[in-house]
Amino acid sequence: MKITPMRDIRNERIRHWTYASECARLHGYMIPGVELVVVEVGRI
């Protein structure tokens, strides 16, 4: 499935996320409309 950001997503926001250490560093930022493909889902 595909998801998209609802707002600009920058490294400054990502670094505060729960799984920040498992996130790639962005070159620039993501904007609404960018298609991100779901590759894994944790349902615990």
All heavy atoms as atom14 arrays in JSON, in Angstrom:
{
  "sequence": "MKITPMRDIRNERIRHWTYASECARLHGYMIPGVELVVVEVGRI",
  "atom14_mask": [
    [1, 1, 1, 1, 1, 1, 1, 1, 0, 0, 0, 0, 0, 0],
    [1, 1, 1, 1, 1, 1, 1, 1, 1, 0, 0, 0, 0, 0],
    [1, 1, 1, 1, 1, 1, 1, 1, 0, 0, 0, 0, 0, 0],
    [1, 1, 1, 1, 1, 1, 1, 0, 0, 0, 0, 0, 0, 0],
    [1, 1, 1, 1, 1, 1, 1, 0, 0, 0, 0, 0, 0, 0],
    [1, 1, 1, 1, 1, 1, 1, 1, 0, 0, 0, 0, 0, 0],
    [1, 1, 1, 1, 1, 1, 1, 1, 1, 1, 1, 0, 0, 0],
    [1, 1, 1, 1, 1, 1, 1, 1, 0, 0, 0, 0, 0, 0],
    [1, 1, 1, 1, 1, 1, 1, 1, 0, 0, 0, 0, 0, 0],
    [1, 1, 1, 1, 1, 1, 1, 1, 1, 1, 1, 0, 0, 0],
    [1, 1, 1, 1, 1, 1, 1, 1, 0, 0, 0, 0, 0, 0],
    [1, 1, 1, 1, 1, 1, 1, 1, 1, 0, 0, 0, 0, 0],
    [1, 1, 1, 1, 1, 1, 1, 1, 1, 1, 1, 0, 0, 0],
    [1, 1, 1, 1, 1, 1, 1, 1, 0, 0, 0, 0, 0, 0],
    [1, 1, 1, 1, 1, 1, 1, 1, 1, 1, 1, 0, 0, 0],
    [1, 1, 1, 1, 1, 1, 1, 1, 1, 1, 0, 0, 0, 0],
    [1, 1, 1, 1, 1, 1, 1, 1, 1, 1, 1, 1, 1, 1],
    [1, 1, 1, 1, 1, 1, 1, 0, 0, 0, 0, 0, 0, 0],
    [1, 1, 1, 1, 1, 1, 1, 1, 1, 1, 1, 1, 0, 0],
    [1, 1, 1, 1, 1, 0, 0, 0, 0, 0, 0, 0, 0, 0],
    [1, 1, 1, 1, 1, 1, 0, 0, 0, 0, 0, 0, 0, 0],
    [1, 1, 1, 1, 1, 1, 1, 1, 1, 0, 0, 0, 0, 0],
    [1, 1, 1, 1, 1, 1, 0, 0, 0, 0, 0, 0, 0, 0],
    [1, 1, 1, 1, 1, 0, 0, 0, 0, 0, 0, 0, 0, 0],
    [1, 1, 1, 1, 1, 1, 1, 1, 1, 1, 1, 0, 0, 0],
    [1, 1, 1, 1, 1, 1, 1, 1, 0, 0, 0, 0, 0, 0],
    [1, 1, 1, 1, 1, 1, 1, 1, 1, 1, 0, 0, 0, 0],
    [1, 1, 1, 1, 0, 0, 0, 0, 0, 0, 0, 0, 0, 0],
    [1, 1, 1, 1, 1, 1, 1, 1, 1, 1, 1, 1, 0, 0],
    [1, 1, 1, 1, 1, 1, 1, 1, 0, 0, 0, 0, 0, 0],
    [1, 1, 1, 1, 1, 1, 1, 1, 0, 0, 0, 0, 0, 0],
    [1, 1, 1, 1, 1, 1, 1, 0, 0, 0, 0, 0, 0, 0],
    [1, 1, 1, 1, 0, 0, 0, 0, 0, 0, 0, 0, 0, 0],
    [1, 1, 1, 1, 1, 1, 1, 0, 0, 0, 0, 0, 0, 0],
    [1, 1, 1, 1, 1, 1, 1, 1, 1, 0, 0, 0, 0, 0],
    [1, 1, 1, 1, 1, 1, 1, 1, 0, 0, 0, 0, 0, 0],
    [1, 1, 1, 1, 1, 1, 1, 0, 0, 0, 0, 0, 0, 0],
    [1, 1, 1, 1, 1, 1, 1, 0, 0, 0, 0, 0, 0, 0],
    [1, 1, 1, 1, 1, 1, 1, 0, 0, 0, 0, 0, 0, 0],
    [1, 1, 1, 1, 1, 1, 1, 1, 1, 0, 0, 0, 0, 0],
    [1, 1, 1, 1, 1, 1, 1, 0, 0, 0, 0, 0, 0, 0],
    [1, 1, 1, 1, 0, 0, 0, 0, 0, 0, 0, 0, 0, 0],
    [1, 1, 1, 1, 1, 1, 1, 1, 1, 1, 1, 0, 0, 0],
    [1, 1, 1, 1, 1, 1, 1, 1, 0, 0, 0, 0, 0, 0]
  ],
  "atom14_positions": [
    [[0.85, -1.2, 0.0], [0.0, 0.0, 0.0], [0.88, 1.24, 0.0], [2.07, 1.17, 0.35], [-0.92, 0.02, 1.21], [-1.97, -1.04, 1.21], [-2.96, -0.96, 2.73], [-4.54, -0.55, 2.03], [0.0, 0.0, 0.0], [0.0, 0.0, 0.0], [0.0, 0.0, 0.0], [0.0, 0.0, 0.0], [0.0, 0.0, 0.0], [0.0, 0.0, 0.0]],
    [[0.28, 2.37, -0.38], [1.03, 3.62, -0.41], [0.43, 4.62, 0.58], [-0.78, 4.69, 0.74], [1.01, 4.2, -1.82], [1.76, 3.32, -2.8], [1.72, 3.88, -4.19], [2.47, 2.93, -5.12], [2.42, 3.39, -6.51], [0.0, 0.0, 0.0], [0.0, 0.0, 0.0], [0.0, 0.0, 0.0], [0.0, 0.0, 0.0], [0.0, 0.0, 0.0]],
    [[1.34, 5.36, 1.23], [0.94, 6.44, 2.13], [1.65, 7.71, 1.69], [2.59, 7.66, 0.88], [1.25, 6.1, 3.6], [2.77, 6.02, 3.85], [0.56, 4.8, 4.02], [3.15, 5.93, 5.31], [0.0, 0.0, 0.0], [0.0, 0.0, 0.0], [0.0, 0.0, 0.0], [0.0, 0.0, 0.0], [0.0, 0.0, 0.0], [0.0, 0.0, 0.0]],
    [[1.22, 8.84, 2.23], [1.86, 10.12, 1.93], [1.83, 11.0, 3.17], [0.94, 10.85, 4.02], [1.14, 10.81, 0.74], [1.93, 11.93, 0.31], [-0.26, 11.27, 1.11], [0.0, 0.0, 0.0], [0.0, 0.0, 0.0], [0.0, 0.0, 0.0], [0.0, 0.0, 0.0], [0.0, 0.0, 0.0], [0.0, 0.0, 0.0], [0.0, 0.0, 0.0]],
    [[2.8, 11.89, 3.3], [2.77, 12.83, 4.43], [1.6, 13.81, 4.3], [1.19, 14.15, 3.2], [4.09, 13.57, 4.33], [4.92, 12.88, 3.32], [4.01, 12.07, 2.49], [0.0, 0.0, 0.0], [0.0, 0.0, 0.0], [0.0, 0.0, 0.0], [0.0, 0.0, 0.0], [0.0, 0.0, 0.0], [0.0, 0.0, 0.0], [0.0, 0.0, 0.0]],
    [[1.08, 14.24, 5.43], [0.04, 15.28, 5.44], [0.66, 16.67, 5.56], [-0.02, 17.67, 5.4], [-0.93, 15.06, 6.61], [-1.76, 13.8, 6.47], [-3.05, 13.65, 7.72], [-2.11, 13.4, 9.22], [0.0, 0.0, 0.0], [0.0, 0.0, 0.0], [0.0, 0.0, 0.0], [0.0, 0.0, 0.0], [0.0, 0.0, 0.0], [0.0, 0.0, 0.0]],
    [[1.94, 16.72, 5.88], [2.67, 17.99, 6.04], [4.12, 17.72, 5.66], [4.52, 16.58, 5.51], [2.58, 18.49, 7.47], [3.18, 17.55, 8.5], [2.99, 17.97, 9.94], [1.65, 18.29, 10.31], [0.7, 17.41, 10.64], [0.97, 16.12, 10.61], [-0.5, 17.8, 11.0], [0.0, 0.0, 0.0], [0.0, 0.0, 0.0], [0.0, 0.0, 0.0]],
    [[4.91, 18.76, 5.52], [6.34, 18.57, 5.24], [6.98, 17.76, 6.35], [6.72, 18.01, 7.54], [7.06, 19.92, 5.14], [6.65, 20.72, 3.9], [5.92, 20.18, 3.05], [7.07, 21.89, 3.8], [0.0, 0.0, 0.0], [0.0, 0.0, 0.0], [0.0, 0.0, 0.0], [0.0, 0.0, 0.0], [0.0, 0.0, 0.0], [0.0, 0.0, 0.0]],
    [[7.79, 16.8, 5.98], [8.52, 15.98, 6.95], [10.01, 16.25, 6.75], [10.55, 16.01, 5.67], [8.24, 14.46, 6.75], [6.74, 14.16, 6.85], [9.06, 13.63, 7.73], [6.14, 14.36, 8.23], [0.0, 0.0, 0.0], [0.0, 0.0, 0.0], [0.0, 0.0, 0.0], [0.0, 0.0, 0.0], [0.0, 0.0, 0.0], [0.0, 0.0, 0.0]],
    [[10.63, 16.74, 7.79], [12.05, 17.09, 7.76], [12.81, 16.26, 8.79], [12.22, 15.7, 9.7], [12.24, 18.58, 8.06], [11.51, 19.48, 7.09], [11.57, 20.95, 7.52], [10.76, 21.78, 6.67], [11.2, 22.33, 5.53], [12.44, 22.12, 5.14], [10.39, 23.06, 4.8], [0.0, 0.0, 0.0], [0.0, 0.0, 0.0], [0.0, 0.0, 0.0]],
    [[14.14, 16.22, 8.64], [14.98, 15.48, 9.58], [14.77, 15.95, 11.01], [14.82, 15.15, 11.95], [16.45, 15.61, 9.2], [16.79, 14.82, 7.96], [16.39, 13.67, 7.82], [17.52, 15.44, 7.04], [0.0, 0.0, 0.0], [0.0, 0.0, 0.0], [0.0, 0.0, 0.0], [0.0, 0.0, 0.0], [0.0, 0.0, 0.0], [0.0, 0.0, 0.0]],
    [[14.49, 17.24, 11.2], [14.28, 17.78, 12.54], [13.08, 17.13, 13.22], [13.07, 16.95, 14.43], [14.1, 19.3, 12.49], [15.34, 20.06, 12.09], [15.63, 20.01, 10.58], [14.7, 19.8, 9.77], [16.8, 20.16, 10.22], [0.0, 0.0, 0.0], [0.0, 0.0, 0.0], [0.0, 0.0, 0.0], [0.0, 0.0, 0.0], [0.0, 0.0, 0.0]],
    [[12.06, 16.78, 12.45], [10.88, 16.12, 13.01], [11.21, 14.63, 13.26], [10.91, 14.09, 14.32], [9.69, 16.24, 12.06], [8.44, 15.53, 12.55], [7.28, 15.66, 11.59], [6.93, 17.04, 11.31], [6.06, 17.75, 12.0], [5.43, 17.22, 13.02], [5.8, 19.0, 11.68], [0.0, 0.0, 0.0], [0.0, 0.0, 0.0], [0.0, 0.0, 0.0]],
    [[11.84, 14.01, 12.28], [12.13, 12.57, 12.37], [13.02, 12.24, 13.56], [12.84, 11.23, 14.21], [12.76, 12.07, 11.06], [11.74, 12.18, 9.91], [13.26, 10.63, 11.2], [12.32, 11.92, 8.53], [0.0, 0.0, 0.0], [0.0, 0.0, 0.0], [0.0, 0.0, 0.0], [0.0, 0.0, 0.0], [0.0, 0.0, 0.0], [0.0, 0.0, 0.0]],
    [[13.96, 13.1, 13.88], [14.92, 12.79, 14.96], [14.25, 12.64, 16.32], [14.85, 12.11, 17.25], [16.05, 13.79, 15.01], [15.68, 15.15, 15.49], [16.87, 16.09, 15.36], [16.48, 17.43, 15.75], [16.92, 18.03, 16.83], [17.8, 17.44, 17.61], [16.52, 19.24, 17.12], [0.0, 0.0, 0.0], [0.0, 0.0, 0.0], [0.0, 0.0, 0.0]],
    [[12.99, 13.1, 16.46], [12.26, 12.97, 17.71], [11.3, 11.77, 17.72], [10.62, 11.53, 18.71], [11.46, 14.25, 18.0], [12.34, 15.44, 18.19], [13.12, 15.62, 19.31], [12.58, 16.5, 17.4], [13.81, 16.74, 19.2], [13.5, 17.3, 18.04], [0.0, 0.0, 0.0], [0.0, 0.0, 0.0], [0.0, 0.0, 0.0], [0.0, 0.0, 0.0]],
    [[11.24, 11.04, 16.62], [10.33, 9.89, 16.54], [10.81, 8.73, 17.39], [12.0, 8.59, 17.69], [10.2, 9.44, 15.09], [9.37, 10.34, 14.23], [8.72, 11.48, 14.6], [9.12, 10.18, 12.83], [8.08, 12.03, 13.53], [8.3, 11.26, 12.44], [9.5, 9.23, 11.89], [7.85, 11.4, 11.12], [9.05, 9.38, 10.59], [8.24, 10.45, 10.21]],
    [[9.89, 7.87, 17.73], [10.18, 6.69, 18.55], [11.28, 5.83, 17.93], [12.17, 5.36, 18.61], [8.9, 5.84, 18.71], [7.89, 6.67, 19.29], [9.14, 4.62, 19.58], [0.0, 0.0, 0.0], [0.0, 0.0, 0.0], [0.0, 0.0, 0.0], [0.0, 0.0, 0.0], [0.0, 0.0, 0.0], [0.0, 0.0, 0.0], [0.0, 0.0, 0.0]],
    [[11.21, 5.62, 16.61], [12.17, 4.76, 15.92], [13.16, 5.57, 15.08], [13.6, 5.12, 14.02], [11.43, 3.75, 15.04], [10.5, 2.86, 15.82], [9.12, 3.02, 15.75], [11.0, 1.85, 16.65], [8.26, 2.2, 16.48], [10.15, 1.04, 17.38], [8.79, 1.22, 17.29], [7.94, 0.42, 18.01], [0.0, 0.0, 0.0], [0.0, 0.0, 0.0]],
    [[13.53, 6.74, 15.55], [14.42, 7.63, 14.8], [15.73, 6.95, 14.39], [16.23, 7.17, 13.29], [14.72, 8.89, 15.61], [0.0, 0.0, 0.0], [0.0, 0.0, 0.0], [0.0, 0.0, 0.0], [0.0, 0.0, 0.0], [0.0, 0.0, 0.0], [0.0, 0.0, 0.0], [0.0, 0.0, 0.0], [0.0, 0.0, 0.0], [0.0, 0.0, 0.0]],
    [[16.25, 6.1, 15.25], [17.52, 5.44, 14.94], [17.4, 4.45, 13.79], [18.41, 4.05, 13.21], [18.07, 4.72, 16.18], [17.2, 3.66, 16.55], [0.0, 0.0, 0.0], [0.0, 0.0, 0.0], [0.0, 0.0, 0.0], [0.0, 0.0, 0.0], [0.0, 0.0, 0.0], [0.0, 0.0, 0.0], [0.0, 0.0, 0.0], [0.0, 0.0, 0.0]],
    [[16.16, 4.09, 13.42], [15.95, 3.16, 12.31], [15.45, 3.87, 11.05], [15.01, 3.23, 10.11], [14.94, 2.09, 12.73], [15.44, 1.23, 13.88], [14.46, 0.16, 14.26], [14.06, -0.61, 13.37], [14.1, 0.08, 15.45], [0.0, 0.0, 0.0], [0.0, 0.0, 0.0], [0.0, 0.0, 0.0], [0.0, 0.0, 0.0], [0.0, 0.0, 0.0]],
    [[15.55, 5.2, 11.06], [15.09, 5.99, 9.91], [16.29, 6.54, 9.14], [17.27, 6.99, 9.74], [14.23, 7.16, 10.37], [12.64, 6.68, 11.06], [0.0, 0.0, 0.0], [0.0, 0.0, 0.0], [0.0, 0.0, 0.0], [0.0, 0.0, 0.0], [0.0, 0.0, 0.0], [0.0, 0.0, 0.0], [0.0, 0.0, 0.0], [0.0, 0.0, 0.0]],
    [[16.16, 6.52, 7.81], [17.19, 7.1, 6.96], [17.19, 8.62, 7.1], [16.16, 9.23, 7.37], [16.94, 6.72, 5.51], [0.0, 0.0, 0.0], [0.0, 0.0, 0.0], [0.0, 0.0, 0.0], [0.0, 0.0, 0.0], [0.0, 0.0, 0.0], [0.0, 0.0, 0.0], [0.0, 0.0, 0.0], [0.0, 0.0, 0.0], [0.0, 0.0, 0.0]],
    [[18.33, 9.2, 6.91], [18.42, 10.66, 6.91], [17.97, 11.15, 5.53], [18.37, 10.63, 4.51], [19.86, 11.09, 7.18], [20.03, 12.57, 7.24], [21.2, 12.94, 8.12], [21.47, 14.36, 8.06], [20.78, 15.27, 8.74], [19.8, 14.9, 9.52], [21.08, 16.55, 8.64], [0.0, 0.0, 0.0], [0.0, 0.0, 0.0], [0.0, 0.0, 0.0]],
    [[17.11, 12.17, 5.54], [16.6, 12.72, 4.29], [17.56, 13.76, 3.74], [18.23, 14.46, 4.48], [15.25, 13.4, 4.53], [14.12, 12.56, 5.11], [12.88, 13.42, 5.34], [13.8, 11.39, 4.19], [0.0, 0.0, 0.0], [0.0, 0.0, 0.0], [0.0, 0.0, 0.0], [0.0, 0.0, 0.0], [0.0, 0.0, 0.0], [0.0, 0.0, 0.0]],
    [[17.6, 13.86, 2.42], [18.32, 14.96, 1.75], [17.22, 15.94, 1.37], [16.49, 15.72, 0.41], [19.06, 14.46, 0.52], [20.12, 13.47, 0.85], [21.31, 13.83, 1.47], [20.19, 12.13, 0.69], [22.05, 12.76, 1.65], [21.4, 11.72, 1.2], [0.0, 0.0, 0.0], [0.0, 0.0, 0.0], [0.0, 0.0, 0.0], [0.0, 0.0, 0.0]],
    [[17.06, 16.98, 2.16], [15.95, 17.91, 1.98], [14.8, 17.47, 2.85], [14.99, 17.16, 4.02], [0.0, 0.0, 0.0], [0.0, 0.0, 0.0], [0.0, 0.0, 0.0], [0.0, 0.0, 0.0], [0.0, 0.0, 0.0], [0.0, 0.0, 0.0], [0.0, 0.0, 0.0], [0.0, 0.0, 0.0], [0.0, 0.0, 0.0], [0.0, 0.0, 0.0]],
    [[13.6, 17.39, 2.27], [12.42, 17.02, 3.04], [11.38, 16.4, 2.13], [11.48, 16.48, 0.91], [11.85, 18.21, 3.8], [11.46, 19.38, 2.91], [10.15, 19.52, 2.47], [12.39, 20.34, 2.54], [9.78, 20.58, 1.65], [12.03, 21.41, 1.74], [10.74, 21.53, 1.29], [10.38, 22.58, 0.5], [0.0, 0.0, 0.0], [0.0, 0.0, 0.0]],
    [[10.38, 15.75, 2.74], [9.28, 15.16, 1.98], [8.08, 16.09, 2.08], [7.82, 16.67, 3.13], [8.89, 13.79, 2.56], [9.91, 12.73, 2.34], [9.33, 11.12, 2.89], [9.12, 11.4, 4.63], [0.0, 0.0, 0.0], [0.0, 0.0, 0.0], [0.0, 0.0, 0.0], [0.0, 0.0, 0.0], [0.0, 0.0, 0.0], [0.0, 0.0, 0.0]],
    [[7.33, 16.18, 0.98], [6.14, 17.03, 0.94], [4.9, 16.16, 0.75], [5.0, 15.01, 0.3], [6.23, 18.07, -0.19], [6.36, 17.38, -1.56], [7.39, 19.03, 0.05], [6.27, 18.3, -2.74], [0.0, 0.0, 0.0], [0.0, 0.0, 0.0], [0.0, 0.0, 0.0], [0.0, 0.0, 0.0], [0.0, 0.0, 0.0], [0.0, 0.0, 0.0]],
    [[3.73, 16.67, 1.11], [2.49, 15.93, 0.85], [2.41, 15.54, -0.63], [2.77, 16.32, -1.51], [1.39, 16.92, 1.23], [2.04, 17.8, 2.26], [3.47, 17.94, 1.8], [0.0, 0.0, 0.0], [0.0, 0.0, 0.0], [0.0, 0.0, 0.0], [0.0, 0.0, 0.0], [0.0, 0.0, 0.0], [0.0, 0.0, 0.0], [0.0, 0.0, 0.0]],
    [[1.96, 14.33, -0.88], [1.86, 13.82, -2.24], [2.95, 12.83, -2.6], [2.79, 12.04, -3.53], [0.0, 0.0, 0.0], [0.0, 0.0, 0.0], [0.0, 0.0, 0.0], [0.0, 0.0, 0.0], [0.0, 0.0, 0.0], [0.0, 0.0, 0.0], [0.0, 0.0, 0.0], [0.0, 0.0, 0.0], [0.0, 0.0, 0.0], [0.0, 0.0, 0.0]],
    [[4.08, 12.85, -1.87], [5.14, 11.88, -2.12], [4.6, 10.5, -1.77], [4.01, 10.3, -0.7], [6.4, 12.19, -1.27], [7.4, 11.06, -1.33], [7.02, 13.48, -1.71], [0.0, 0.0, 0.0], [0.0, 0.0, 0.0], [0.0, 0.0, 0.0], [0.0, 0.0, 0.0], [0.0, 0.0, 0.0], [0.0, 0.0, 0.0], [0.0, 0.0, 0.0]],
    [[4.79, 9.53, -2.66], [4.29, 8.18, -2.43], [5.34, 7.33, -1.72], [6.43, 7.12, -2.24], [3.91, 7.52, -3.76], [2.73, 8.16, -4.42], [2.28, 7.43, -5.67], [2.89, 6.4, -6.04], [1.32, 7.89, -6.29], [0.0, 0.0, 0.0], [0.0, 0.0, 0.0], [0.0, 0.0, 0.0], [0.0, 0.0, 0.0], [0.0, 0.0, 0.0]],
    [[5.0, 6.88, -0.53], [5.85, 5.99, 0.25], [5.18, 4.62, 0.24], [3.99, 4.5, 0.5], [5.98, 6.5, 1.68], [6.44, 7.96, 1.82], [6.37, 8.39, 3.27], [7.83, 8.13, 1.27], [0.0, 0.0, 0.0], [0.0, 0.0, 0.0], [0.0, 0.0, 0.0], [0.0, 0.0, 0.0], [0.0, 0.0, 0.0], [0.0, 0.0, 0.0]],
    [[5.95, 3.58, -0.06], [5.4, 2.24, -0.16], [5.62, 1.49, 1.15], [6.73, 1.43, 1.68], [6.06, 1.46, -1.32], [5.52, 0.04, -1.41], [5.85, 2.2, -2.64], [0.0, 0.0, 0.0], [0.0, 0.0, 0.0], [0.0, 0.0, 0.0], [0.0, 0.0, 0.0], [0.0, 0.0, 0.0], [0.0, 0.0, 0.0], [0.0, 0.0, 0.0]],
    [[4.55, 0.89, 1.68], [4.62, 0.1, 2.9], [5.37, -1.2, 2.6], [5.0, -1.94, 1.69], [3.2, -0.21, 3.44], [3.28, -1.15, 4.64], [2.48, 1.08, 3.79], [0.0, 0.0, 0.0], [0.0, 0.0, 0.0], [0.0, 0.0, 0.0], [0.0, 0.0, 0.0], [0.0, 0.0, 0.0], [0.0, 0.0, 0.0], [0.0, 0.0, 0.0]],
    [[6.44, -1.48, 3.35], [7.22, -2.69, 3.15], [7.13, -3.66, 4.33], [7.48, -4.83, 4.2], [8.7, -2.4, 2.81], [8.81, -1.67, 1.48], [9.37, -1.6, 3.91], [0.0, 0.0, 0.0], [0.0, 0.0, 0.0], [0.0, 0.0, 0.0], [0.0, 0.0, 0.0], [0.0, 0.0, 0.0], [0.0, 0.0, 0.0], [0.0, 0.0, 0.0]],
    [[6.66, -3.16, 5.47], [6.54, -4.01, 6.66], [5.61, -3.33, 7.65], [5.6, -2.1, 7.75], [7.93, -4.21, 7.29], [8.01, -5.23, 8.38], [9.45, -5.41, 8.89], [10.37, -4.73, 8.42], [9.61, -6.24, 9.8], [0.0, 0.0, 0.0], [0.0, 0.0, 0.0], [0.0, 0.0, 0.0], [0.0, 0.0, 0.0], [0.0, 0.0, 0.0]],
    [[4.83, -4.13, 8.38], [3.91, -3.59, 9.38], [4.07, -4.39, 10.66], [4.04, -5.61, 10.64], [2.44, -3.66, 8.9], [1.5, -3.06, 9.94], [2.26, -2.96, 7.56], [0.0, 0.0, 0.0], [0.0, 0.0, 0.0], [0.0, 0.0, 0.0], [0.0, 0.0, 0.0], [0.0, 0.0, 0.0], [0.0, 0.0, 0.0], [0.0, 0.0, 0.0]],
    [[4.27, -3.69, 11.79], [4.35, -4.33, 13.1], [3.03, -4.13, 13.82], [2.61, -3.0, 14.03], [0.0, 0.0, 0.0], [0.0, 0.0, 0.0], [0.0, 0.0, 0.0], [0.0, 0.0, 0.0], [0.0, 0.0, 0.0], [0.0, 0.0, 0.0], [0.0, 0.0, 0.0], [0.0, 0.0, 0.0], [0.0, 0.0, 0.0], [0.0, 0.0, 0.0]],
    [[2.38, -5.22, 14.18], [1.03, -5.12, 14.75], [0.96, -5.6, 16.21], [-0.1, -5.98, 16.67], [0.06, -5.92, 13.9], [-0.16, -5.31, 12.53], [-1.28, -6.01, 11.78], [-1.56, -5.33, 10.54], [-1.01, -5.63, 9.38], [-0.14, -6.6, 9.31], [-1.34, -4.97, 8.29], [0.0, 0.0, 0.0], [0.0, 0.0, 0.0], [0.0, 0.0, 0.0]],
    [[2.05, -5.55, 16.93], [2.02, -5.92, 18.34], [1.29, -4.81, 19.09], [1.68, -3.64, 18.98], [3.44, -6.1, 18.9], [4.16, -7.23, 18.17], [3.41, -6.34, 20.41], [5.64, -7.33, 18.49], [0.0, 0.0, 0.0], [0.0, 0.0, 0.0], [0.0, 0.0, 0.0], [0.0, 0.0, 0.0], [0.0, 0.0, 0.0], [0.0, 0.0, 0.0]]
  ]
}
